[in-house]
Amino acid sequence: MNLVVGLGNPGAEYAHTRHNAGWMVLDELEARGRFGRARREGPARVREGELDGCALVLARPQTYMNLSGRSGAHLVRVLGVDAQDVVVVHDDIDVPFGRLRLRRGGSAAGHRGVQSLIDSWRTPGFVRVRVGVGRPPAGDDPIDYVLSPFTAAERAALPAVLRRAADATMAIVRDGLERAMNEYNREIPPGTQGG
C-alpha cells in the first residue's frame, strides 16, 4: 500500500489556484485508476484503490495548508506507514512552471505545508513531487501569487503538466525514486513553459 498525499487548501475559492496543484495531480491519478468512495480519515479525505497494479491511498488534508502536518501525522499512524515512504505532491515557486523536481528530503524552502509535515513527522526524509508553478512577478507577494489562479496560458498547458506529474508519481511507486528522478527531473515537455 502506497500513501500519496497531495497538498492543497479546502474550499471552492482555492480549487483552481497554484497552491492546489497537489490536489489536481490526485484528481488525475483518480481518473486513471479504480478507487473507492472518498471517506474521512481524521483531518484528511482519502480514497483507496488501484492503479497500474499498485495499491494506493490518495489523501487530501482538509486542514489549511499550514496545518497539513495534522493530517500527515494521523495518516501515518492509522495506516501504519513510515513517513519516509510517503510521496507528497505539492506546488513549488522555485521550480519553473511546467517543470517537475522529484527528490527525497531537503528543507521546506518556505512552503508552509511541507514545513508542517516535517514538523509533524519529525523528519524531512519523505519523497516529494514538486510541481513547478514559477515565481511571482517582481514585487508581487508570493502568498498572494500561490493563492491566485493560473494565467490563461498556464491553464492551457496545465493538463499536460498534471499528466506528467501523475506519471512521475506512479514511476516513483512502481520503479523507485532514483529511476523516476532520472526520467522526470530532466526536460520541459513541449508547450508547458507557461506565460
Protein backbone atom coordinates (compact mmCIF):
# COMPACT_ATOMS: atom_id res chain seq x y z
CA MET A 1 0.00 0.00 0.00
CA ASN A 2 1.40 3.35 -1.08
CA LEU A 3 0.35 6.62 0.53
CA VAL A 4 0.33 9.68 -1.73
CA VAL A 5 -0.51 12.97 -0.03
CA GLY A 6 -1.50 15.90 -2.23
CA LEU A 7 -1.23 19.30 -0.59
CA GLY A 8 -3.86 21.97 -1.08
CA ASN A 9 -6.45 24.12 0.64
CA PRO A 10 -10.08 23.09 1.14
CA GLY A 11 -12.84 25.32 -0.20
CA ALA A 12 -14.12 26.23 -3.65
CA GLU A 13 -12.26 29.55 -3.62
CA TYR A 14 -8.93 27.69 -3.65
CA ALA A 15 -9.81 24.86 -6.03
CA HIS A 16 -8.11 26.29 -9.13
CA THR A 17 -5.19 28.10 -7.50
CA ARG A 18 -1.50 27.31 -7.85
CA HIS A 19 -1.33 26.16 -4.23
CA ASN A 20 -3.74 23.33 -5.04
CA ALA A 21 -1.53 21.72 -7.68
CA GLY A 22 -1.08 18.70 -5.38
CA TRP A 23 -4.82 18.08 -5.29
CA MET A 24 -5.02 18.49 -9.06
CA VAL A 25 -2.43 15.74 -9.53
CA LEU A 26 -4.51 13.47 -7.27
CA ASP A 27 -7.52 14.22 -9.49
CA GLU A 28 -5.51 12.97 -12.46
CA LEU A 29 -4.47 9.79 -10.64
CA GLU A 30 -8.07 9.12 -9.58
CA ALA A 31 -9.25 9.49 -13.17
CA ARG A 32 -6.81 6.78 -14.27
CA GLY A 33 -7.49 4.08 -11.70
CA ARG A 34 -10.20 2.32 -9.76
CA PHE A 35 -10.83 4.00 -6.42
CA GLY A 36 -13.47 3.66 -3.75
CA ARG A 37 -15.61 6.49 -2.48
CA ALA A 38 -13.93 9.32 -0.66
CA ARG A 39 -14.05 9.00 3.12
CA ARG A 40 -12.83 10.96 6.09
CA GLU A 41 -9.75 9.68 7.83
CA GLY A 42 -9.23 12.06 10.71
CA PRO A 43 -8.43 15.50 9.31
CA ALA A 44 -7.96 14.14 5.77
CA ARG A 45 -10.11 12.93 2.90
CA VAL A 46 -8.86 9.68 1.39
CA ARG A 47 -9.66 7.37 -1.49
CA GLU A 48 -8.22 3.87 -1.63
CA GLY A 49 -7.82 1.93 -4.84
CA GLU A 50 -5.58 0.55 -7.53
CA LEU A 51 -3.69 2.00 -10.46
CA ASP A 52 -1.28 0.15 -12.75
CA GLY A 53 -1.37 -2.84 -10.42
CA CYS A 54 -0.34 -0.74 -7.41
CA ALA A 55 -2.44 -0.33 -4.25
CA LEU A 56 -2.75 3.38 -3.46
CA VAL A 57 -4.20 5.58 -0.77
CA LEU A 58 -4.65 9.13 -2.09
CA ALA A 59 -5.02 11.67 0.71
CA ARG A 60 -6.00 15.33 0.77
CA PRO A 61 -5.50 17.10 4.10
CA GLN A 62 -8.67 19.01 4.97
CA THR A 63 -6.87 21.46 7.22
CA TYR A 64 -5.49 24.58 5.63
CA MET A 65 -2.06 24.29 4.06
CA ASN A 66 -0.02 25.41 7.06
CA LEU A 67 -1.63 22.69 9.22
CA SER A 68 -1.10 19.80 6.77
CA GLY A 69 1.04 18.02 9.34
CA ARG A 70 -2.03 17.26 11.47
CA SER A 71 -3.38 15.11 8.65
CA GLY A 72 0.03 13.67 7.90
CA ALA A 73 0.61 12.56 11.48
CA HIS A 74 -2.82 10.94 11.67
CA LEU A 75 -2.43 9.13 8.33
CA VAL A 76 0.94 7.50 9.01
CA ARG A 77 -0.29 6.40 12.43
CA VAL A 78 -3.57 4.80 11.38
CA LEU A 79 -2.27 3.36 8.10
CA GLY A 80 0.96 2.06 9.61
CA VAL A 81 3.13 3.79 7.00
CA ASP A 82 6.62 5.12 7.68
CA ALA A 83 6.76 8.85 6.91
CA GLN A 84 9.86 8.29 4.77
CA ASP A 85 7.77 6.08 2.46
CA VAL A 86 5.11 8.73 1.82
CA VAL A 87 5.02 10.54 -1.53
CA VAL A 88 3.98 14.19 -1.10
CA VAL A 89 2.85 16.16 -4.17
CA HIS A 90 2.91 19.94 -3.90
CA ASP A 91 3.35 23.22 -5.76
CA ASP A 92 6.75 24.92 -5.79
CA ILE A 93 7.51 28.51 -6.77
CA ASP A 94 11.23 27.77 -7.02
CA VAL A 95 10.60 25.40 -9.94
CA PRO A 96 9.66 26.95 -13.31
CA PHE A 97 6.12 26.41 -14.48
CA GLY A 98 5.82 23.08 -16.28
CA ARG A 99 8.88 21.50 -14.68
CA LEU A 100 8.97 18.79 -12.05
CA ARG A 101 11.51 18.16 -9.33
CA LEU A 102 11.50 14.78 -7.66
CA ARG A 103 13.60 14.35 -4.54
CA ARG A 104 13.79 12.93 -1.07
CA GLY A 105 14.35 15.23 1.88
CA GLY A 106 15.65 18.76 1.97
CA SER A 107 14.22 21.88 3.53
CA ALA A 108 10.68 23.17 3.10
CA ALA A 109 12.02 26.20 1.18
CA GLY A 110 9.28 28.38 2.63
CA HIS A 111 6.42 26.01 1.74
CA ARG A 112 4.25 26.00 4.84
CA GLY A 113 2.50 22.74 4.06
CA VAL A 114 5.80 20.92 3.63
CA GLN A 115 7.16 22.52 6.81
CA SER A 116 4.09 21.38 8.72
CA LEU A 117 4.69 17.79 7.56
CA ILE A 118 8.37 17.97 8.50
CA ASP A 119 7.43 19.22 11.96
CA SER A 120 4.75 16.58 12.49
CA TRP A 121 6.72 13.65 11.12
CA ARG A 122 9.95 14.88 12.74
CA THR A 123 11.83 14.16 9.54
CA PRO A 124 12.36 15.87 6.20
CA GLY A 125 13.10 12.49 4.63
CA PHE A 126 9.87 11.88 2.72
CA VAL A 127 9.64 11.82 -1.08
CA ARG A 128 8.41 14.92 -2.87
CA VAL A 129 6.96 15.56 -6.29
CA ARG A 130 7.45 19.30 -6.65
CA VAL A 131 5.17 20.73 -9.36
CA GLY A 132 6.62 23.96 -10.70
CA VAL A 133 4.30 26.96 -10.68
CA GLY A 134 7.03 29.55 -11.30
CA ARG A 135 7.94 32.65 -9.35
CA PRO A 136 5.63 35.64 -8.94
CA PRO A 137 6.35 38.80 -10.91
CA ALA A 138 8.78 41.19 -9.23
CA GLY A 139 7.12 42.99 -6.33
CA ASP A 140 4.21 40.55 -6.00
CA ASP A 141 3.60 38.79 -2.69
CA PRO A 142 4.44 35.06 -3.03
CA ILE A 143 1.49 34.13 -0.80
CA ASP A 144 -0.97 36.07 -2.95
CA TYR A 145 0.63 34.50 -6.02
CA VAL A 146 0.17 30.89 -4.96
CA LEU A 147 -3.38 31.61 -3.79
CA SER A 148 -4.31 33.02 -7.20
CA PRO A 149 -5.46 31.10 -10.30
CA PHE A 150 -3.16 30.14 -13.14
CA THR A 151 -2.92 32.51 -16.10
CA ALA A 152 -4.78 31.68 -19.31
CA ALA A 153 -1.57 30.46 -20.96
CA GLU A 154 -0.76 28.32 -17.93
CA ARG A 155 -4.28 26.86 -17.88
CA ALA A 156 -3.87 25.79 -21.48
CA ALA A 157 -0.65 23.94 -20.63
CA LEU A 158 -1.76 22.66 -17.23
CA PRO A 159 -3.35 19.35 -18.33
CA ALA A 160 -0.03 18.19 -19.78
CA VAL A 161 1.79 19.26 -16.61
CA LEU A 162 -0.65 17.36 -14.40
CA ARG A 163 -0.43 14.25 -16.58
CA ARG A 164 3.36 14.33 -16.35
CA ALA A 165 3.24 14.82 -12.57
CA ALA A 166 0.88 11.86 -12.25
CA ASP A 167 3.21 9.81 -14.46
CA ALA A 168 6.14 10.78 -12.23
CA THR A 169 4.24 9.86 -9.07
CA MET A 170 3.42 6.43 -10.44
CA ALA A 171 7.00 5.96 -11.63
CA ILE A 172 8.15 6.50 -8.03
CA VAL A 173 5.64 3.95 -6.76
CA ARG A 174 6.42 1.34 -9.44
CA ASP A 175 10.10 1.81 -10.19
CA GLY A 176 11.57 3.65 -7.21
CA LEU A 177 12.70 7.23 -6.74
CA GLU A 178 16.08 7.05 -8.46
CA ARG A 179 14.73 5.80 -11.77
CA ALA A 180 11.85 8.27 -11.63
CA MET A 181 14.26 11.16 -10.94
CA ASN A 182 16.41 10.19 -13.93
CA GLU A 183 13.38 10.42 -16.19
CA TYR A 184 11.33 13.29 -14.81
CA ASN A 185 13.86 15.78 -13.47
CA ARG A 186 15.12 16.49 -16.97
CA GLU A 187 13.41 18.22 -19.86
CA ILE A 188 10.41 20.53 -20.12
CA PRO A 189 7.63 18.92 -22.14
CA PRO A 190 6.70 20.96 -25.25
CA GLY A 191 4.03 23.58 -24.63
CA THR A 192 4.37 23.67 -20.84
CA GLN A 193 6.66 26.66 -20.42
CA GLY A 194 3.71 28.81 -19.42
CA GLY A 195 3.30 32.53 -19.71
